[in-house]
N, C-alpha and C. Protein backbone atom coordinates (compact mmCIF):
# COMPACT_ATOMS: atom_id res chain seq x y z
N MET A 1 47.15 -6.56 -47.94
CA MET A 1 46.35 -7.60 -48.58
C MET A 1 45.73 -8.53 -47.55
N LYS A 2 46.51 -8.90 -46.55
CA LYS A 2 46.03 -9.82 -45.53
C LYS A 2 44.86 -9.19 -44.76
N ARG A 3 44.98 -7.93 -44.44
CA ARG A 3 43.96 -7.24 -43.67
C ARG A 3 42.65 -7.13 -44.46
N ILE A 4 42.75 -6.88 -45.74
CA ILE A 4 41.56 -6.75 -46.58
C ILE A 4 40.85 -8.11 -46.71
N SER A 5 41.61 -9.18 -46.85
CA SER A 5 40.99 -10.49 -46.97
C SER A 5 40.31 -10.91 -45.66
N ILE A 6 40.89 -10.53 -44.53
CA ILE A 6 40.26 -10.84 -43.25
C ILE A 6 38.97 -10.04 -43.08
N ILE A 7 39.00 -8.78 -43.46
CA ILE A 7 37.78 -7.95 -43.41
C ILE A 7 36.72 -8.52 -44.34
N PHE A 8 37.13 -8.99 -45.52
CA PHE A 8 36.19 -9.62 -46.44
C PHE A 8 35.56 -10.86 -45.81
N LEU A 9 36.38 -11.71 -45.18
CA LEU A 9 35.85 -12.91 -44.54
C LEU A 9 34.91 -12.56 -43.38
N GLN A 10 35.23 -11.51 -42.64
CA GLN A 10 34.33 -11.07 -41.57
C GLN A 10 33.01 -10.57 -42.15
N ALA A 11 33.07 -9.88 -43.27
CA ALA A 11 31.84 -9.42 -43.93
C ALA A 11 31.01 -10.60 -44.42
N VAL A 12 31.67 -11.64 -44.92
CA VAL A 12 30.96 -12.84 -45.36
C VAL A 12 30.27 -13.51 -44.17
N ILE A 13 30.93 -13.57 -43.03
CA ILE A 13 30.33 -14.16 -41.84
C ILE A 13 29.11 -13.36 -41.40
N VAL A 14 29.21 -12.04 -41.42
CA VAL A 14 28.06 -11.19 -41.07
C VAL A 14 26.92 -11.41 -42.06
N LEU A 15 27.24 -11.51 -43.35
CA LEU A 15 26.22 -11.74 -44.37
C LEU A 15 25.54 -13.10 -44.16
N ILE A 16 26.30 -14.13 -43.83
CA ILE A 16 25.73 -15.44 -43.55
C ILE A 16 24.77 -15.35 -42.37
N GLY A 17 25.16 -14.62 -41.33
CA GLY A 17 24.30 -14.46 -40.17
C GLY A 17 23.01 -13.73 -40.50
N ILE A 18 23.08 -12.69 -41.32
CA ILE A 18 21.89 -11.93 -41.71
C ILE A 18 20.96 -12.80 -42.55
N VAL A 19 21.51 -13.52 -43.51
CA VAL A 19 20.69 -14.39 -44.35
C VAL A 19 20.03 -15.49 -43.51
N ALA A 20 20.78 -16.07 -42.57
CA ALA A 20 20.20 -17.10 -41.70
C ALA A 20 19.09 -16.53 -40.84
N LEU A 21 19.26 -15.33 -40.36
CA LEU A 21 18.21 -14.69 -39.55
C LEU A 21 16.96 -14.41 -40.38
N ILE A 22 17.15 -13.95 -41.60
CA ILE A 22 16.00 -13.71 -42.49
C ILE A 22 15.27 -15.02 -42.78
N ILE A 23 16.02 -16.08 -43.02
CA ILE A 23 15.40 -17.38 -43.27
C ILE A 23 14.63 -17.85 -42.03
N LEU A 24 15.20 -17.65 -40.86
CA LEU A 24 14.50 -18.07 -39.64
C LEU A 24 13.20 -17.30 -39.42
N ILE A 25 13.17 -16.05 -39.86
CA ILE A 25 11.96 -15.25 -39.67
C ILE A 25 10.93 -15.54 -40.75
N ARG A 26 11.36 -15.67 -42.00
CA ARG A 26 10.42 -15.81 -43.11
C ARG A 26 9.96 -17.25 -43.36
N PHE A 27 10.81 -18.23 -43.12
CA PHE A 27 10.48 -19.61 -43.48
C PHE A 27 9.22 -20.13 -42.79
N PRO A 28 9.02 -19.88 -41.49
CA PRO A 28 7.78 -20.40 -40.88
C PRO A 28 6.51 -19.85 -41.49
N LEU A 29 6.57 -18.68 -42.10
CA LEU A 29 5.38 -18.11 -42.71
C LEU A 29 4.98 -18.83 -43.99
N THR A 30 5.94 -19.46 -44.66
CA THR A 30 5.67 -20.11 -45.94
C THR A 30 5.67 -21.63 -45.84
N GLU A 31 6.02 -22.17 -44.69
CA GLU A 31 6.13 -23.61 -44.54
C GLU A 31 4.75 -24.25 -44.55
N GLY A 32 4.63 -25.43 -45.10
CA GLY A 32 3.35 -26.11 -45.25
C GLY A 32 2.63 -26.40 -43.95
N ARG A 33 3.36 -26.75 -42.92
CA ARG A 33 2.76 -27.10 -41.65
C ARG A 33 2.06 -25.92 -40.98
N ALA A 34 2.62 -24.71 -41.12
CA ALA A 34 2.08 -23.54 -40.45
C ALA A 34 1.46 -22.54 -41.41
N GLN A 35 1.20 -22.96 -42.62
CA GLN A 35 0.74 -22.04 -43.66
C GLN A 35 -0.63 -21.44 -43.34
N ASN A 36 -1.50 -22.18 -42.68
CA ASN A 36 -2.86 -21.70 -42.41
C ASN A 36 -3.04 -21.19 -40.98
N LEU A 37 -1.96 -21.02 -40.25
CA LEU A 37 -2.05 -20.58 -38.86
C LEU A 37 -1.93 -19.07 -38.76
N ASP A 38 -2.42 -18.52 -37.63
CA ASP A 38 -2.23 -17.08 -37.40
C ASP A 38 -0.80 -16.83 -36.92
N MET A 39 -0.41 -15.57 -36.82
CA MET A 39 0.97 -15.20 -36.52
C MET A 39 1.43 -15.75 -35.17
N PHE A 40 0.58 -15.68 -34.14
CA PHE A 40 0.97 -16.18 -32.82
C PHE A 40 1.16 -17.70 -32.85
N SER A 41 0.27 -18.40 -33.50
CA SER A 41 0.35 -19.86 -33.54
C SER A 41 1.57 -20.35 -34.31
N ILE A 42 1.96 -19.60 -35.32
CA ILE A 42 3.14 -19.99 -36.09
C ILE A 42 4.38 -19.97 -35.21
N TYR A 43 4.57 -18.85 -34.49
CA TYR A 43 5.79 -18.71 -33.69
C TYR A 43 5.68 -19.35 -32.31
N ALA A 44 4.53 -19.93 -31.99
CA ALA A 44 4.37 -20.68 -30.74
C ALA A 44 4.44 -22.19 -30.99
N ASP A 45 4.60 -22.59 -32.22
CA ASP A 45 4.71 -24.01 -32.56
C ASP A 45 5.98 -24.58 -31.92
N PRO A 46 5.88 -25.71 -31.21
CA PRO A 46 7.04 -26.25 -30.50
C PRO A 46 8.21 -26.61 -31.42
N PHE A 47 7.93 -27.11 -32.61
CA PHE A 47 9.02 -27.50 -33.50
C PHE A 47 9.75 -26.26 -34.05
N ILE A 48 9.00 -25.21 -34.32
CA ILE A 48 9.61 -23.96 -34.79
C ILE A 48 10.43 -23.33 -33.66
N LEU A 49 9.91 -23.37 -32.44
CA LEU A 49 10.66 -22.87 -31.29
C LEU A 49 11.94 -23.69 -31.07
N TYR A 50 11.87 -25.00 -31.31
CA TYR A 50 13.04 -25.85 -31.21
C TYR A 50 14.09 -25.42 -32.25
N GLY A 51 13.62 -25.08 -33.45
CA GLY A 51 14.53 -24.59 -34.48
C GLY A 51 15.21 -23.29 -34.08
N TYR A 52 14.45 -22.40 -33.45
CA TYR A 52 15.04 -21.14 -32.99
C TYR A 52 16.05 -21.38 -31.87
N ALA A 53 15.71 -22.26 -30.93
CA ALA A 53 16.64 -22.57 -29.85
C ALA A 53 17.90 -23.24 -30.39
N SER A 54 17.74 -24.09 -31.38
CA SER A 54 18.90 -24.76 -31.98
C SER A 54 19.79 -23.78 -32.73
N SER A 55 19.19 -22.74 -33.28
CA SER A 55 19.98 -21.78 -34.06
C SER A 55 20.91 -20.95 -33.18
N ILE A 56 20.70 -20.97 -31.88
CA ILE A 56 21.60 -20.24 -30.98
C ILE A 56 23.02 -20.76 -31.13
N ALA A 57 23.18 -22.07 -31.20
CA ALA A 57 24.52 -22.67 -31.36
C ALA A 57 25.15 -22.22 -32.68
N PHE A 58 24.33 -22.11 -33.73
CA PHE A 58 24.84 -21.66 -35.03
C PHE A 58 25.35 -20.22 -34.94
N PHE A 59 24.56 -19.35 -34.32
CA PHE A 59 24.96 -17.95 -34.24
C PHE A 59 26.14 -17.73 -33.30
N VAL A 60 26.24 -18.52 -32.25
CA VAL A 60 27.41 -18.44 -31.37
C VAL A 60 28.65 -18.89 -32.14
N GLY A 61 28.52 -19.95 -32.92
CA GLY A 61 29.64 -20.41 -33.75
C GLY A 61 30.08 -19.36 -34.76
N LEU A 62 29.11 -18.68 -35.38
CA LEU A 62 29.46 -17.59 -36.30
C LEU A 62 30.19 -16.47 -35.58
N TYR A 63 29.71 -16.13 -34.39
CA TYR A 63 30.37 -15.08 -33.61
C TYR A 63 31.80 -15.48 -33.27
N LYS A 64 31.99 -16.73 -32.89
CA LYS A 64 33.34 -17.21 -32.56
C LYS A 64 34.25 -17.20 -33.78
N ALA A 65 33.71 -17.53 -34.96
CA ALA A 65 34.52 -17.46 -36.19
C ALA A 65 34.92 -16.02 -36.47
N PHE A 66 34.00 -15.08 -36.26
CA PHE A 66 34.29 -13.66 -36.44
C PHE A 66 35.38 -13.24 -35.46
N LYS A 67 35.28 -13.71 -34.23
CA LYS A 67 36.26 -13.38 -33.19
C LYS A 67 37.64 -13.96 -33.53
N LEU A 68 37.67 -15.19 -34.07
CA LEU A 68 38.95 -15.79 -34.47
C LEU A 68 39.61 -14.98 -35.57
N LEU A 69 38.81 -14.52 -36.53
CA LEU A 69 39.37 -13.66 -37.58
C LEU A 69 39.90 -12.35 -36.99
N ALA A 70 39.26 -11.84 -35.96
CA ALA A 70 39.76 -10.63 -35.30
C ALA A 70 41.11 -10.90 -34.64
N TYR A 71 41.27 -12.08 -34.03
CA TYR A 71 42.57 -12.44 -33.45
C TYR A 71 43.63 -12.54 -34.53
N ILE A 72 43.27 -13.10 -35.67
CA ILE A 72 44.22 -13.20 -36.78
C ILE A 72 44.61 -11.81 -37.26
N LYS A 73 43.63 -10.92 -37.35
CA LYS A 73 43.90 -9.56 -37.81
C LYS A 73 44.84 -8.83 -36.84
N GLN A 74 44.75 -9.14 -35.56
CA GLN A 74 45.60 -8.51 -34.55
C GLN A 74 46.92 -9.26 -34.34
N ASP A 75 47.21 -10.23 -35.21
CA ASP A 75 48.41 -11.08 -35.11
C ASP A 75 48.49 -11.81 -33.78
N GLN A 76 47.36 -12.30 -33.30
CA GLN A 76 47.30 -13.07 -32.06
C GLN A 76 46.78 -14.48 -32.31
N LEU A 77 47.09 -15.02 -33.48
CA LEU A 77 46.60 -16.36 -33.80
C LEU A 77 47.19 -17.40 -32.86
N PHE A 78 48.46 -17.27 -32.55
CA PHE A 78 49.14 -18.25 -31.71
C PHE A 78 49.03 -17.83 -30.24
N SER A 79 47.80 -17.86 -29.74
CA SER A 79 47.54 -17.52 -28.35
C SER A 79 46.49 -18.47 -27.79
N GLN A 80 46.39 -18.49 -26.48
CA GLN A 80 45.40 -19.34 -25.83
C GLN A 80 43.98 -18.88 -26.16
N ASN A 81 43.79 -17.59 -26.41
CA ASN A 81 42.45 -17.11 -26.79
C ASN A 81 41.98 -17.75 -28.09
N SER A 82 42.88 -17.89 -29.05
CA SER A 82 42.53 -18.52 -30.33
C SER A 82 42.19 -20.00 -30.13
N VAL A 83 42.94 -20.66 -29.27
CA VAL A 83 42.68 -22.08 -29.00
C VAL A 83 41.31 -22.23 -28.34
N ARG A 84 41.00 -21.35 -27.37
CA ARG A 84 39.70 -21.40 -26.70
C ARG A 84 38.57 -21.10 -27.68
N THR A 85 38.81 -20.18 -28.60
CA THR A 85 37.79 -19.86 -29.60
C THR A 85 37.53 -21.04 -30.52
N LEU A 86 38.58 -21.72 -30.95
CA LEU A 86 38.40 -22.93 -31.77
C LEU A 86 37.67 -24.02 -31.00
N LYS A 87 37.98 -24.16 -29.72
CA LYS A 87 37.31 -25.16 -28.90
C LYS A 87 35.82 -24.83 -28.78
N SER A 88 35.49 -23.55 -28.60
CA SER A 88 34.08 -23.14 -28.53
C SER A 88 33.36 -23.40 -29.85
N MET A 89 34.04 -23.12 -30.96
CA MET A 89 33.45 -23.38 -32.27
C MET A 89 33.19 -24.88 -32.44
N LYS A 90 34.12 -25.71 -31.97
CA LYS A 90 33.95 -27.16 -32.06
C LYS A 90 32.73 -27.61 -31.26
N TYR A 91 32.59 -27.09 -30.04
CA TYR A 91 31.44 -27.45 -29.21
C TYR A 91 30.13 -26.97 -29.82
N CYS A 92 30.12 -25.78 -30.39
CA CYS A 92 28.91 -25.28 -31.05
C CYS A 92 28.52 -26.18 -32.21
N THR A 93 29.50 -26.63 -32.97
CA THR A 93 29.22 -27.52 -34.10
C THR A 93 28.70 -28.87 -33.64
N ILE A 94 29.28 -29.40 -32.57
CA ILE A 94 28.80 -30.68 -32.04
C ILE A 94 27.37 -30.54 -31.52
N ILE A 95 27.10 -29.47 -30.80
CA ILE A 95 25.75 -29.25 -30.27
C ILE A 95 24.75 -29.09 -31.41
N LEU A 96 25.10 -28.30 -32.42
CA LEU A 96 24.19 -28.08 -33.54
C LEU A 96 23.92 -29.39 -34.29
N GLY A 97 24.95 -30.16 -34.56
CA GLY A 97 24.76 -31.45 -35.23
C GLY A 97 23.89 -32.40 -34.41
N SER A 98 24.08 -32.42 -33.11
CA SER A 98 23.27 -33.27 -32.24
C SER A 98 21.81 -32.82 -32.23
N LEU A 99 21.59 -31.52 -32.16
CA LEU A 99 20.21 -31.01 -32.15
C LEU A 99 19.50 -31.29 -33.48
N ILE A 100 20.24 -31.22 -34.58
CA ILE A 100 19.64 -31.55 -35.88
C ILE A 100 19.30 -33.03 -35.94
N ALA A 101 20.18 -33.88 -35.41
CA ALA A 101 19.90 -35.32 -35.40
C ALA A 101 18.68 -35.63 -34.53
N VAL A 102 18.54 -34.95 -33.40
CA VAL A 102 17.38 -35.15 -32.54
C VAL A 102 16.10 -34.71 -33.26
N ALA A 103 16.16 -33.61 -33.99
CA ALA A 103 14.99 -33.15 -34.75
C ALA A 103 14.60 -34.19 -35.80
N GLY A 104 15.60 -34.77 -36.47
CA GLY A 104 15.32 -35.81 -37.45
C GLY A 104 14.68 -37.03 -36.82
N LEU A 105 15.18 -37.43 -35.65
CA LEU A 105 14.58 -38.57 -34.95
C LEU A 105 13.14 -38.26 -34.52
N PHE A 106 12.91 -37.05 -34.05
CA PHE A 106 11.56 -36.65 -33.63
C PHE A 106 10.59 -36.73 -34.81
N ILE A 107 11.00 -36.19 -35.96
CA ILE A 107 10.13 -36.22 -37.14
C ILE A 107 9.93 -37.66 -37.61
N MET A 108 10.98 -38.47 -37.55
CA MET A 108 10.87 -39.86 -38.01
C MET A 108 9.88 -40.64 -37.15
N ILE A 109 9.87 -40.37 -35.85
CA ILE A 109 9.00 -41.12 -34.95
C ILE A 109 7.58 -40.56 -34.93
N PHE A 110 7.44 -39.24 -34.89
CA PHE A 110 6.14 -38.63 -34.64
C PHE A 110 5.50 -37.97 -35.85
N HIS A 111 5.98 -38.23 -37.06
CA HIS A 111 5.39 -37.56 -38.22
C HIS A 111 3.98 -38.10 -38.50
N ASN A 112 3.20 -37.28 -39.16
CA ASN A 112 1.86 -37.67 -39.57
C ASN A 112 1.98 -38.76 -40.64
N LYS A 113 1.17 -39.77 -40.55
CA LYS A 113 1.28 -40.89 -41.49
C LYS A 113 0.96 -40.49 -42.93
N ASP A 114 0.28 -39.36 -43.12
CA ASP A 114 -0.02 -38.87 -44.47
C ASP A 114 1.16 -38.11 -45.07
N ASP A 115 2.11 -37.68 -44.22
CA ASP A 115 3.26 -36.91 -44.70
C ASP A 115 4.40 -37.85 -45.08
N ASP A 116 5.24 -37.36 -45.95
CA ASP A 116 6.44 -38.10 -46.34
C ASP A 116 7.65 -37.32 -45.80
N PRO A 117 8.29 -37.79 -44.73
CA PRO A 117 9.40 -37.04 -44.13
C PRO A 117 10.76 -37.31 -44.77
N ALA A 118 10.79 -37.96 -45.91
CA ALA A 118 12.07 -38.38 -46.50
C ALA A 118 12.98 -37.19 -46.80
N GLY A 119 12.43 -36.12 -47.35
CA GLY A 119 13.25 -34.96 -47.67
C GLY A 119 13.85 -34.31 -46.43
N PHE A 120 13.02 -34.15 -45.41
CA PHE A 120 13.51 -33.57 -44.16
C PHE A 120 14.56 -34.45 -43.52
N LEU A 121 14.31 -35.75 -43.52
CA LEU A 121 15.28 -36.67 -42.92
C LEU A 121 16.60 -36.68 -43.70
N ALA A 122 16.51 -36.58 -45.02
CA ALA A 122 17.75 -36.51 -45.82
C ALA A 122 18.54 -35.25 -45.48
N MET A 123 17.83 -34.13 -45.32
CA MET A 123 18.51 -32.89 -44.94
C MET A 123 19.14 -33.02 -43.55
N CYS A 124 18.46 -33.67 -42.63
CA CYS A 124 19.01 -33.88 -41.29
C CYS A 124 20.27 -34.74 -41.35
N ILE A 125 20.24 -35.80 -42.13
CA ILE A 125 21.40 -36.68 -42.24
C ILE A 125 22.58 -35.93 -42.85
N ILE A 126 22.32 -35.19 -43.92
CA ILE A 126 23.40 -34.45 -44.60
C ILE A 126 24.00 -33.39 -43.68
N THR A 127 23.14 -32.61 -43.02
CA THR A 127 23.68 -31.55 -42.15
C THR A 127 24.37 -32.12 -40.92
N THR A 128 23.93 -33.26 -40.43
CA THR A 128 24.61 -33.89 -39.31
C THR A 128 26.00 -34.37 -39.73
N PHE A 129 26.12 -34.96 -40.91
CA PHE A 129 27.43 -35.37 -41.40
C PHE A 129 28.34 -34.16 -41.66
N ILE A 130 27.78 -33.09 -42.18
CA ILE A 130 28.58 -31.88 -42.39
C ILE A 130 29.06 -31.32 -41.06
N ALA A 131 28.18 -31.29 -40.07
CA ALA A 131 28.57 -30.80 -38.74
C ALA A 131 29.65 -31.68 -38.13
N THR A 132 29.55 -32.99 -38.34
CA THR A 132 30.58 -33.91 -37.83
C THR A 132 31.92 -33.66 -38.51
N ALA A 133 31.89 -33.44 -39.81
CA ALA A 133 33.14 -33.16 -40.53
C ALA A 133 33.76 -31.85 -40.07
N ILE A 134 32.93 -30.84 -39.88
CA ILE A 134 33.45 -29.54 -39.43
C ILE A 134 34.00 -29.66 -38.02
N ALA A 135 33.31 -30.37 -37.13
CA ALA A 135 33.79 -30.54 -35.76
C ALA A 135 35.12 -31.30 -35.75
N THR A 136 35.26 -32.29 -36.62
CA THR A 136 36.52 -33.02 -36.71
C THR A 136 37.65 -32.12 -37.19
N ALA A 137 37.38 -31.32 -38.21
CA ALA A 137 38.39 -30.39 -38.72
C ALA A 137 38.78 -29.37 -37.65
N LEU A 138 37.80 -28.88 -36.91
CA LEU A 138 38.09 -27.91 -35.85
C LEU A 138 38.90 -28.55 -34.73
N ALA A 139 38.63 -29.82 -34.42
CA ALA A 139 39.41 -30.52 -33.39
C ALA A 139 40.87 -30.67 -33.82
N VAL A 140 41.07 -30.99 -35.10
CA VAL A 140 42.44 -31.12 -35.61
C VAL A 140 43.15 -29.76 -35.58
N LEU A 141 42.45 -28.72 -36.04
CA LEU A 141 43.04 -27.38 -36.01
C LEU A 141 43.34 -26.93 -34.59
N GLU A 142 42.45 -27.25 -33.67
CA GLU A 142 42.66 -26.89 -32.27
C GLU A 142 43.92 -27.56 -31.73
N ARG A 143 44.08 -28.84 -32.03
CA ARG A 143 45.26 -29.56 -31.54
C ARG A 143 46.54 -29.00 -32.16
N ILE A 144 46.51 -28.71 -33.46
CA ILE A 144 47.69 -28.14 -34.12
C ILE A 144 48.03 -26.77 -33.54
N LEU A 145 47.00 -25.94 -33.35
CA LEU A 145 47.23 -24.61 -32.81
C LEU A 145 47.72 -24.69 -31.37
N GLN A 146 47.19 -25.62 -30.59
CA GLN A 146 47.64 -25.79 -29.20
C GLN A 146 49.11 -26.20 -29.16
N ASN A 147 49.50 -27.10 -30.07
CA ASN A 147 50.92 -27.49 -30.14
C ASN A 147 51.79 -26.30 -30.53
N ALA A 148 51.33 -25.48 -31.46
CA ALA A 148 52.09 -24.31 -31.87
C ALA A 148 52.20 -23.29 -30.73
N VAL A 149 51.14 -23.11 -29.99
CA VAL A 149 51.17 -22.18 -28.84
C VAL A 149 52.12 -22.71 -27.77
N ASP A 150 52.09 -24.02 -27.54
CA ASP A 150 53.00 -24.61 -26.55
C ASP A 150 54.45 -24.43 -26.97
N MET A 151 54.75 -24.65 -28.26
CA MET A 151 56.13 -24.46 -28.75
C MET A 151 56.54 -23.00 -28.64
N LYS A 152 55.62 -22.07 -28.96
CA LYS A 152 55.92 -20.64 -28.87
C LYS A 152 56.20 -20.25 -27.42
N THR A 153 55.38 -20.76 -26.51
CA THR A 153 55.59 -20.46 -25.09
C THR A 153 56.90 -21.04 -24.60
N GLU A 154 57.22 -22.24 -25.02
CA GLU A 154 58.48 -22.88 -24.63
C GLU A 154 59.67 -22.10 -25.18
N ASN A 155 59.59 -21.64 -26.42
CA ASN A 155 60.68 -20.85 -27.01
C ASN A 155 60.80 -19.49 -26.33
N ASP A 156 59.68 -18.90 -25.95
CA ASP A 156 59.73 -17.61 -25.28
C ASP A 156 60.37 -17.73 -23.89
N LEU A 157 60.17 -18.88 -23.23
CA LEU A 157 60.73 -19.09 -21.91
C LEU A 157 62.24 -19.33 -21.97
N THR A 158 62.74 -19.94 -23.04
CA THR A 158 64.16 -20.24 -23.15
C THR A 158 64.97 -19.03 -23.57
N ILE A 159 64.31 -18.03 -24.12
CA ILE A 159 65.05 -16.85 -24.59
C ILE A 159 65.32 -15.91 -23.48
């Protein structure tokens, strides 16, 4: 049962990655700002390129979550590799939240006066708070797992 649920969670992570990739490819074609541009101009837009560069942290975090599930499947949860993976996931989340906040600030300062950036700014605020909450949870899990690994190592040395 445990193995099947881990495989299911890994499949969900892969599905999230595929859907995110499809959104990254299709969204610029339908977005209002680039709707009338040719294909090269759409994907050469600096803000869209910033979104692609920012998504690297998201995909690295997904990969690390997949890797953590692989450690759990191999019964290696209480190892330094798992702690390092959680730490990497925490850093990816912090970087992604920071990049989203910077994008929100950029739009707030440099938006066209005819546009209303309220919706975009609300999404930036919400996703930044979500990223902060996830990073906090990952930091707590990392500390708990590090304490468990330290206790396991200490018990292994005394035996």
